[in-house]
Every structure is written in structure tokens, then in C-alpha cells.
Amino acid sequence: MLRRGGPVAPAPARPHRLRRDLRRPGESDRPVRTLGPGKLVIASHNEGKVREIRDLLGPYGVEPVSAAELDLPEPDEIGVNFIENADLKARQAADLSGLPALSDDSGLCVEALGDRPGIFSARWAEAEDGSRDFFRAMQRVEDELAALGPDVSRDAHFVCALALVWPDGESEWFEGRVEGTLVWPPRGSRGFGYDPMFLPLGGEQTFGEMDPADKHRISHRANAFRKLVAALF
């Protein structure tokens, strides 16, 4: 339970549940559950991701609070795809907070690298001390592409899976993607993660150069979020 003005009270240990029976809205006879006003946990400790999701939620009357603000732990991401990892994170946050929880699992998929780093996008940035250095991750992507030769395809796409889980265990999920190509050296200091090396298809600015409002109109996260809004609000 939440304590007013304080962190979440300790919850009894329980196994993290990895759901493999997930469905898109409309894939069963059960009506899609709507999301009303009130508090909603953003099940992430990534400040950039939390900031972007807060911006996207702004017009819809919910009160977002991050997992970090509630001192919720980060679960091990043991899913085999973006959707399973998003569901796992949202399910734990809903269990521990007693509130609906929204989680994002996203990553960069580079076609010439067999869609790597994919679900391991954040891990490619991990340093030995546990911190994350995304320039290091971008350099690894560039080095692996360079090793394949000068004519290698630089096509890539970002994927975002959003999972919304209620405390009673009911869930919905939505997926979006955006196509693009990779540039080197990285350009821009906005955004986060691999944004400075990703040039969206038909664009002239990388995600790292774009004004946030412009990115929100075309990003993988925005594409997934539009599906969520259409179904739940």
C-alpha cells in the first residue's frame, strides 16, 4: 500500500510472474478496460524515459509517479521479447504499489546486426560499476557495423512495447516502431539512449537533435502511445 507523503511500505516477497498469454486489445471477446483519472505508476528508473512518458500522458488527466519515486525495485528482465519485459516490469510495479502501472520496454534493432542490440539495448551501455554509458553502446554498434565492411546497410528501427497492468492482474499491451538509419558520429544532445545516432526515415535531424515535441510526433514510443490512447481513454 502507499503511505501518504512517504515511500511504499515493504511488500511480502513474491515471485515475478512472466506472462506468456499476452494479447493485443481486440484479440479476445473480453472488452478492453479503460483507464480513468488517478495515479499511475511509470514502471521505470530511466529518467529520460519517465520524462518522455510524462509528457505523453500530460493531456489525459492521470497523475504519473515513477517507480524510482516510490522506491520500487527494478526486476530482472527475463522476457524473450519487448512485450514480455514490459509486462514483467508493469506487473511487479502494480503488485507492489497497488496502483495501475505502465511500463515501456524499447530498444534499437540494427538490421545488419541481426536486430541486435534489441532487448539488450540497455545492457550494451552497462559499465563494470553498474552505470550506463550510451556513447559506449553507440560506439559498439558502430564498431560492429564497420567490421562488416563499407557497404553494409545502416538501416535500423526502434521498437517500443507498452504494457499497462492493473493491481488485479488484468493487462493490455501496445507496440510501436519507427524506421530509420544510423549516422556516425552521433549528433545532438537531446533525447537519451541511442537517439543521437538514429536518423528517422525522411528526416534531417537525429532524435538527439530534435525538439522533444517533434520527436513525440513520430517516435516509436509515440506510435505505441497513440494505440494505447485510442484503446483506453
C-alpha atoms as a PDB file:
ATOM      1  CA  MET A   1       0.000   0.000   0.000  1.00  0.00           C
ATOM      2  CA  LEU A   2       1.027   3.621  -0.488  1.00  0.00           C
ATOM      3  CA  ARG A   3       1.626   5.799   2.531  1.00  0.00           C
ATOM      4  CA  ARG A   4       0.696   9.445   2.063  1.00  0.00           C
ATOM      5  CA  GLY A   5       3.842  11.521   1.881  1.00  0.00           C
ATOM      6  CA  GLY A   6       6.177   8.537   2.122  1.00  0.00           C
ATOM      7  CA  PRO A   7       7.591   5.569   0.214  1.00  0.00           C
ATOM      8  CA  VAL A   8       5.850   2.330  -0.473  1.00  0.00           C
ATOM      9  CA  ALA A   9       5.645   0.069   2.552  1.00  0.00           C
ATOM     10  CA  PRO A  10       7.595  -3.190   2.211  1.00  0.00           C
ATOM     11  CA  ALA A  11       5.628  -5.880   0.450  1.00  0.00           C
ATOM     12  CA  PRO A  12       5.978  -9.598   1.078  1.00  0.00           C
ATOM     13  CA  ALA A  13       8.297 -11.365  -1.327  1.00  0.00           C
ATOM     14  CA  ARG A  14       6.533 -12.889  -4.269  1.00  0.00           C
ATOM     15  CA  PRO A  15       7.821 -14.409  -7.493  1.00  0.00           C
ATOM     16  CA  HIS A  16       7.895 -12.223 -10.566  1.00  0.00           C
ATOM     17  CA  ARG A  17       5.300 -13.565 -12.965  1.00  0.00           C
ATOM     18  CA  LEU A  18       6.259 -13.780 -16.591  1.00  0.00           C
ATOM     19  CA  ARG A  19       3.075 -13.810 -18.648  1.00  0.00           C
ATOM     20  CA  ARG A  20       3.218 -15.624 -21.977  1.00  0.00           C
ATOM     21  CA  ASP A  21      -0.542 -15.375 -22.696  1.00  0.00           C
ATOM     22  CA  LEU A  22      -0.425 -11.676 -23.535  1.00  0.00           C
ATOM     23  CA  ARG A  23      -2.796 -10.294 -26.134  1.00  0.00           C
ATOM     24  CA  ARG A  24      -3.346  -7.170 -28.146  1.00  0.00           C
ATOM     25  CA  PRO A  25      -6.606  -5.290 -27.491  1.00  0.00           C
ATOM     26  CA  GLY A  26      -9.367  -6.906 -29.529  1.00  0.00           C
ATOM     27  CA  GLU A  27      -7.772 -10.370 -29.665  1.00  0.00           C
ATOM     28  CA  SER A  28     -10.378 -11.873 -27.332  1.00  0.00           C
ATOM     29  CA  ASP A  29     -14.050 -11.317 -26.510  1.00  0.00           C
ATOM     30  CA  ARG A  30     -13.132  -9.518 -23.285  1.00  0.00           C
ATOM     31  CA  PRO A  31     -13.756  -5.756 -23.640  1.00  0.00           C
ATOM     32  CA  VAL A  32     -10.737  -3.522 -23.335  1.00  0.00           C
ATOM     33  CA  ARG A  33     -10.621  -1.913 -19.905  1.00  0.00           C
ATOM     34  CA  THR A  34     -10.487   1.875 -19.843  1.00  0.00           C
ATOM     35  CA  LEU A  35      -8.086   3.934 -17.763  1.00  0.00           C
ATOM     36  CA  GLY A  36      -9.627   6.722 -15.693  1.00  0.00           C
ATOM     37  CA  PRO A  37      -8.159   9.685 -13.800  1.00  0.00           C
ATOM     38  CA  GLY A  38      -5.896   8.994 -10.833  1.00  0.00           C
ATOM     39  CA  LYS A  39      -2.391   7.858 -10.040  1.00  0.00           C
ATOM     40  CA  LEU A  40      -0.467   5.711 -12.476  1.00  0.00           C
ATOM     41  CA  VAL A  41       2.973   4.235 -11.849  1.00  0.00           C
ATOM     42  CA  ILE A  42       5.506   4.631 -14.635  1.00  0.00           C
ATOM     43  CA  ALA A  43       7.437   1.423 -14.037  1.00  0.00           C
ATOM     44  CA  SER A  44      10.875   2.706 -14.973  1.00  0.00           C
ATOM     45  CA  HIS A  45      14.003   4.114 -13.341  1.00  0.00           C
ATOM     46  CA  ASN A  46      15.201   5.630 -16.625  1.00  0.00           C
ATOM     47  CA  GLU A  47      14.834   9.385 -16.157  1.00  0.00           C
ATOM     48  CA  GLY A  48      14.724  10.133 -19.875  1.00  0.00           C
ATOM     49  CA  LYS A  49      12.059   7.521 -20.494  1.00  0.00           C
ATOM     50  CA  VAL A  50       9.997   8.684 -17.495  1.00  0.00           C
ATOM     51  CA  ARG A  51      10.177  12.292 -18.684  1.00  0.00           C
ATOM     52  CA  GLU A  52       9.011  11.341 -22.170  1.00  0.00           C
ATOM     53  CA  ILE A  53       6.113   9.219 -20.878  1.00  0.00           C
ATOM     54  CA  ARG A  54       5.042  12.022 -18.510  1.00  0.00           C
ATOM     55  CA  ASP A  55       4.902  14.383 -21.491  1.00  0.00           C
ATOM     56  CA  LEU A  56       2.796  11.937 -23.470  1.00  0.00           C
ATOM     57  CA  LEU A  57       0.403  11.372 -20.533  1.00  0.00           C
ATOM     58  CA  GLY A  58       0.010  15.102 -19.882  1.00  0.00           C
ATOM     59  CA  PRO A  59      -3.337  15.677 -21.651  1.00  0.00           C
ATOM     60  CA  TYR A  60      -5.164  12.683 -20.171  1.00  0.00           C
ATOM     61  CA  GLY A  61      -5.843  13.521 -16.534  1.00  0.00           C
ATOM     62  CA  VAL A  62      -3.677  10.847 -14.920  1.00  0.00           C
ATOM     63  CA  GLU A  63      -1.166  11.544 -12.153  1.00  0.00           C
ATOM     64  CA  PRO A  64       2.067   9.778 -13.137  1.00  0.00           C
ATOM     65  CA  VAL A  65       4.520   8.736 -10.435  1.00  0.00           C
ATOM     66  CA  SER A  66       7.719   6.892 -11.257  1.00  0.00           C
ATOM     67  CA  ALA A  67       8.936   3.610  -9.805  1.00  0.00           C
ATOM     68  CA  ALA A  68      12.012   5.456  -8.548  1.00  0.00           C
ATOM     69  CA  GLU A  69       9.853   7.965  -6.655  1.00  0.00           C
ATOM     70  CA  LEU A  70       8.096   5.063  -4.941  1.00  0.00           C
ATOM     71  CA  ASP A  71      11.408   3.305  -4.257  1.00  0.00           C
ATOM     72  CA  LEU A  72      10.268   0.218  -6.156  1.00  0.00           C
ATOM     73  CA  PRO A  73      12.959  -2.294  -7.145  1.00  0.00           C
ATOM     74  CA  GLU A  74      13.911  -2.989 -10.746  1.00  0.00           C
ATOM     75  CA  PRO A  75      13.041  -6.565 -11.740  1.00  0.00           C
ATOM     76  CA  ASP A  76      15.312  -8.798 -13.766  1.00  0.00           C
ATOM     77  CA  GLU A  77      14.247  -8.576 -17.405  1.00  0.00           C
ATOM     78  CA  ILE A  78      13.916 -12.260 -18.215  1.00  0.00           C
ATOM     79  CA  GLY A  79      11.481 -11.948 -21.115  1.00  0.00           C
ATOM     80  CA  VAL A  80      12.415 -13.066 -24.604  1.00  0.00           C
ATOM     81  CA  ASN A  81      10.940 -10.016 -26.334  1.00  0.00           C
ATOM     82  CA  PHE A  82       9.992  -6.403 -25.664  1.00  0.00           C
ATOM     83  CA  ILE A  83       6.380  -7.203 -24.774  1.00  0.00           C
ATOM     84  CA  GLU A  84       7.242  -9.793 -22.135  1.00  0.00           C
ATOM     85  CA  ASN A  85       9.761  -7.474 -20.480  1.00  0.00           C
ATOM     86  CA  ALA A  86       7.318  -4.556 -20.453  1.00  0.00           C
ATOM     87  CA  ASP A  87       4.616  -6.739 -18.895  1.00  0.00           C
ATOM     88  CA  LEU A  88       7.007  -8.092 -16.271  1.00  0.00           C
ATOM     89  CA  LYS A  89       8.043  -4.592 -15.131  1.00  0.00           C
ATOM     90  CA  ALA A  90       4.498  -3.227 -15.069  1.00  0.00           C
ATOM     91  CA  ARG A  91       3.173  -6.307 -13.265  1.00  0.00           C
ATOM     92  CA  GLN A  92       5.714  -6.010 -10.459  1.00  0.00           C
ATOM     93  CA  ALA A  93       5.027  -2.285 -10.037  1.00  0.00           C
ATOM     94  CA  ALA A  94       1.264  -2.872  -9.891  1.00  0.00           C
ATOM     95  CA  ASP A  95       1.738  -5.700  -7.373  1.00  0.00           C
ATOM     96  CA  LEU A  96       3.910  -3.630  -5.050  1.00  0.00           C
ATOM     97  CA  SER A  97       2.138  -0.269  -5.321  1.00  0.00           C
ATOM     98  CA  GLY A  98      -1.499  -1.294  -5.532  1.00  0.00           C
ATOM     99  CA  LEU A  99      -1.860   1.105  -8.479  1.00  0.00           C
ATOM    100  CA  PRO A 100      -2.173   0.637 -12.223  1.00  0.00           C
ATOM    101  CA  ALA A 101       1.300   0.578 -13.739  1.00  0.00           C
ATOM    102  CA  LEU A 102       2.581   1.403 -17.202  1.00  0.00           C
ATOM    103  CA  SER A 103       5.894   0.083 -18.426  1.00  0.00           C
ATOM    104  CA  ASP A 104       7.888   0.591 -21.585  1.00  0.00           C
ATOM    105  CA  ASP A 105      10.443  -1.796 -22.957  1.00  0.00           C
ATOM    106  CA  SER A 106      12.190  -0.478 -26.008  1.00  0.00           C
ATOM    107  CA  GLY A 107      15.363  -0.808 -27.969  1.00  0.00           C
ATOM    108  CA  LEU A 108      17.325  -0.308 -31.138  1.00  0.00           C
ATOM    109  CA  CYS A 109      17.253  -3.056 -33.760  1.00  0.00           C
ATOM    110  CA  VAL A 110      20.009  -2.863 -36.376  1.00  0.00           C
ATOM    111  CA  GLU A 111      19.189  -4.982 -39.400  1.00  0.00           C
ATOM    112  CA  ALA A 112      22.781  -5.798 -40.389  1.00  0.00           C
ATOM    113  CA  LEU A 113      23.432  -6.992 -36.830  1.00  0.00           C
ATOM    114  CA  GLY A 114      20.511  -9.402 -36.805  1.00  0.00           C
ATOM    115  CA  ASP A 115      18.299  -6.861 -34.996  1.00  0.00           C
ATOM    116  CA  ARG A 116      20.777  -6.513 -32.164  1.00  0.00           C
ATOM    117  CA  PRO A 117      21.070  -4.986 -29.634  1.00  0.00           C
ATOM    118  CA  GLY A 118      17.260  -5.312 -29.449  1.00  0.00           C
ATOM    119  CA  ILE A 119      16.054  -6.240 -25.977  1.00  0.00           C
ATOM    120  CA  PHE A 120      19.652  -5.924 -24.768  1.00  0.00           C
ATOM    121  CA  SER A 121      19.959  -2.257 -25.795  1.00  0.00           C
ATOM    122  CA  ALA A 122      20.382  -1.029 -22.217  1.00  0.00           C
ATOM    123  CA  ARG A 123      22.815  -3.827 -21.352  1.00  0.00           C
ATOM    124  CA  TRP A 124      25.145  -2.771 -24.161  1.00  0.00           C
ATOM    125  CA  ALA A 125      25.538   0.507 -22.275  1.00  0.00           C
ATOM    126  CA  GLU A 126      26.339  -1.050 -18.886  1.00  0.00           C
ATOM    127  CA  ALA A 127      29.741  -0.352 -17.372  1.00  0.00           C
ATOM    128  CA  GLU A 128      31.503  -2.527 -14.811  1.00  0.00           C
ATOM    129  CA  ASP A 129      30.350  -0.250 -11.972  1.00  0.00           C
ATOM    130  CA  GLY A 130      26.700  -0.683 -12.987  1.00  0.00           C
ATOM    131  CA  SER A 131      26.347   2.757 -14.560  1.00  0.00           C
ATOM    132  CA  ARG A 132      25.204   3.206 -18.143  1.00  0.00           C
ATOM    133  CA  ASP A 133      27.237   4.893 -20.856  1.00  0.00           C
ATOM    134  CA  PHE A 134      25.270   5.103 -24.086  1.00  0.00           C
ATOM    135  CA  PHE A 135      28.146   6.605 -26.030  1.00  0.00           C
ATOM    136  CA  ARG A 136      29.947   3.352 -25.317  1.00  0.00           C
ATOM    137  CA  ALA A 137      26.905   1.446 -26.603  1.00  0.00           C
ATOM    138  CA  MET A 138      26.709   3.567 -29.764  1.00  0.00           C
ATOM    139  CA  GLN A 139      30.425   3.029 -30.339  1.00  0.00           C
ATOM    140  CA  ARG A 140      29.908  -0.735 -30.099  1.00  0.00           C
ATOM    141  CA  VAL A 141      27.142  -0.564 -32.705  1.00  0.00           C
ATOM    142  CA  GLU A 142      29.380   1.488 -34.995  1.00  0.00           C
ATOM    143  CA  ASP A 143      32.361  -0.831 -34.496  1.00  0.00           C
ATOM    144  CA  GLU A 144      30.311  -3.926 -35.313  1.00  0.00           C
ATOM    145  CA  LEU A 145      28.911  -2.294 -38.443  1.00  0.00           C
ATOM    146  CA  ALA A 146      32.386  -1.173 -39.543  1.00  0.00           C
ATOM    147  CA  ALA A 147      33.647  -4.739 -39.173  1.00  0.00           C
ATOM    148  CA  LEU A 148      31.089  -5.831 -41.777  1.00  0.00           C
ATOM    149  CA  GLY A 149      32.583  -3.585 -44.448  1.00  0.00           C
ATOM    150  CA  PRO A 150      31.988  -0.170 -46.007  1.00  0.00           C
ATOM    151  CA  ASP A 151      28.885  -1.205 -47.957  1.00  0.00           C
ATOM    152  CA  VAL A 152      26.955  -2.615 -45.007  1.00  0.00           C
ATOM    153  CA  SER A 153      23.344  -1.499 -44.600  1.00  0.00           C
ATOM    154  CA  ARG A 154      22.832   1.047 -41.829  1.00  0.00           C
ATOM    155  CA  ASP A 155      19.065   0.552 -41.708  1.00  0.00           C
ATOM    156  CA  ALA A 156      17.637   0.276 -38.212  1.00  0.00           C
ATOM    157  CA  HIS A 157      14.419   0.696 -36.300  1.00  0.00           C
ATOM    158  CA  PHE A 158      13.364   1.460 -32.768  1.00  0.00           C
ATOM    159  CA  VAL A 159      10.692  -0.705 -31.119  1.00  0.00           C
ATOM    160  CA  CYS A 160       8.590   0.252 -28.115  1.00  0.00           C
ATOM    161  CA  ALA A 161       6.268  -2.094 -26.227  1.00  0.00           C
ATOM    162  CA  LEU A 162       3.937  -0.548 -23.644  1.00  0.00           C
ATOM    163  CA  ALA A 163       2.271  -2.749 -21.034  1.00  0.00           C
ATOM    164  CA  LEU A 164      -0.447  -1.489 -18.713  1.00  0.00           C
ATOM    165  CA  VAL A 165      -1.224  -3.742 -15.745  1.00  0.00           C
ATOM    166  CA  TRP A 166      -3.891  -3.224 -13.080  1.00  0.00           C
ATOM    167  CA  PRO A 167      -3.414  -4.437  -9.483  1.00  0.00           C
ATOM    168  CA  ASP A 168      -5.884  -7.280 -10.110  1.00  0.00           C
ATOM    169  CA  GLY A 169      -3.556  -8.623 -12.811  1.00  0.00           C
ATOM    170  CA  GLU A 170      -5.514  -7.611 -15.899  1.00  0.00           C
ATOM    171  CA  SER A 171      -3.294  -6.188 -18.625  1.00  0.00           C
ATOM    172  CA  GLU A 172      -3.158  -4.642 -22.081  1.00  0.00           C
ATOM    173  CA  TRP A 173      -0.181  -4.056 -24.335  1.00  0.00           C
ATOM    174  CA  PHE A 174       0.659  -1.973 -27.372  1.00  0.00           C
ATOM    175  CA  GLU A 175       3.631  -1.871 -29.726  1.00  0.00           C
ATOM    176  CA  GLY A 176       5.071   0.854 -31.965  1.00  0.00           C
ATOM    177  CA  ARG A 177       8.137   1.250 -34.136  1.00  0.00           C
ATOM    178  CA  VAL A 178       9.909   3.834 -36.242  1.00  0.00           C
ATOM    179  CA  GLU A 179      12.201   3.161 -39.190  1.00  0.00           C
ATOM    180  CA  GLY A 180      15.443   4.975 -39.852  1.00  0.00           C
ATOM    181  CA  THR A 181      19.148   4.772 -40.482  1.00  0.00           C
ATOM    182  CA  LEU A 182      22.249   5.177 -38.333  1.00  0.00           C
ATOM    183  CA  VAL A 183      24.681   8.085 -38.600  1.00  0.00           C
ATOM    184  CA  TRP A 184      28.225   8.465 -37.305  1.00  0.00           C
ATOM    185  CA  PRO A 185      29.423  10.392 -35.428  1.00  0.00           C
ATOM    186  CA  PRO A 186      26.409  10.872 -33.132  1.00  0.00           C
ATOM    187  CA  ARG A 187      24.601  14.189 -33.467  1.00  0.00           C
ATOM    188  CA  GLY A 188      22.774  16.165 -30.785  1.00  0.00           C
ATOM    189  CA  SER A 189      22.486  16.126 -27.014  1.00  0.00           C
ATOM    190  CA  ARG A 190      18.719  15.871 -26.655  1.00  0.00           C
ATOM    191  CA  GLY A 191      16.833  12.676 -26.052  1.00  0.00           C
ATOM    192  CA  PHE A 192      18.565   9.697 -24.466  1.00  0.00           C
ATOM    193  CA  GLY A 193      19.988   6.296 -25.240  1.00  0.00           C
ATOM    194  CA  TYR A 194      20.816   5.755 -28.915  1.00  0.00           C
ATOM    195  CA  ASP A 195      18.913   8.873 -30.052  1.00  0.00           C
ATOM    196  CA  PRO A 196      21.996  10.803 -31.281  1.00  0.00           C
ATOM    197  CA  MET A 197      22.841   8.167 -33.906  1.00  0.00           C
ATOM    198  CA  PHE A 198      19.292   7.478 -35.143  1.00  0.00           C
ATOM    199  CA  LEU A 199      18.019   9.432 -38.146  1.00  0.00           C
ATOM    200  CA  PRO A 200      14.310   8.715 -38.741  1.00  0.00           C
ATOM    201  CA  LEU A 201      13.271   7.852 -42.268  1.00  0.00           C
ATOM    202  CA  GLY A 202      12.818  11.019 -44.314  1.00  0.00           C
ATOM    203  CA  GLY A 203      14.205  13.247 -41.561  1.00  0.00           C
ATOM    204  CA  GLU A 204      17.140  15.633 -41.461  1.00  0.00           C
ATOM    205  CA  GLN A 205      17.690  15.630 -37.690  1.00  0.00           C
ATOM    206  CA  THR A 206      18.587  12.724 -35.444  1.00  0.00           C
ATOM    207  CA  PHE A 207      16.399  12.053 -32.425  1.00  0.00           C
ATOM    208  CA  GLY A 208      19.241  13.610 -30.434  1.00  0.00           C
ATOM    209  CA  GLU A 209      18.869  16.871 -32.370  1.00  0.00           C
ATOM    210  CA  MET A 210      15.077  17.081 -32.455  1.00  0.00           C
ATOM    211  CA  ASP A 211      12.936  19.283 -30.273  1.00  0.00           C
ATOM    212  CA  PRO A 212      11.110  16.898 -27.896  1.00  0.00           C
ATOM    213  CA  ALA A 213       7.716  17.942 -29.282  1.00  0.00           C
ATOM    214  CA  ASP A 214       8.827  16.963 -32.789  1.00  0.00           C
ATOM    215  CA  LYS A 215      10.164  13.624 -31.590  1.00  0.00           C
ATOM    216  CA  HIS A 216       6.910  12.927 -29.729  1.00  0.00           C
ATOM    217  CA  ARG A 217       5.006  13.138 -33.009  1.00  0.00           C
ATOM    218  CA  ILE A 218       6.936  10.369 -34.778  1.00  0.00           C
ATOM    219  CA  SER A 219       8.820   8.218 -32.274  1.00  0.00           C
ATOM    220  CA  HIS A 220       8.281   4.526 -31.637  1.00  0.00           C
ATOM    221  CA  ARG A 221       7.052   5.413 -28.155  1.00  0.00           C
ATOM    222  CA  ALA A 222       4.576   7.942 -29.537  1.00  0.00           C
ATOM    223  CA  ASN A 223       3.314   5.377 -32.057  1.00  0.00           C
ATOM    224  CA  ALA A 224       2.691   2.836 -29.290  1.00  0.00           C
ATOM    225  CA  PHE A 225       1.163   5.514 -27.090  1.00  0.00           C
ATOM    226  CA  ARG A 226      -1.356   6.531 -29.766  1.00  0.00           C
ATOM    227  CA  LYS A 227      -2.598   2.943 -29.818  1.00  0.00           C
ATOM    228  CA  LEU A 228      -2.876   2.955 -26.017  1.00  0.00           C
ATOM    229  CA  VAL A 229      -4.848   6.218 -26.008  1.00  0.00           C
ATOM    230  CA  ALA A 230      -7.216   5.015 -28.742  1.00  0.00           C
ATOM    231  CA  ALA A 231      -7.990   1.860 -26.769  1.00  0.00           C
ATOM    232  CA  LEU A 232      -8.052   3.040 -23.154  1.00  0.00           C
ATOM    233  CA  PHE A 233      -9.200   6.664 -22.972  1.00  0.00           C
END
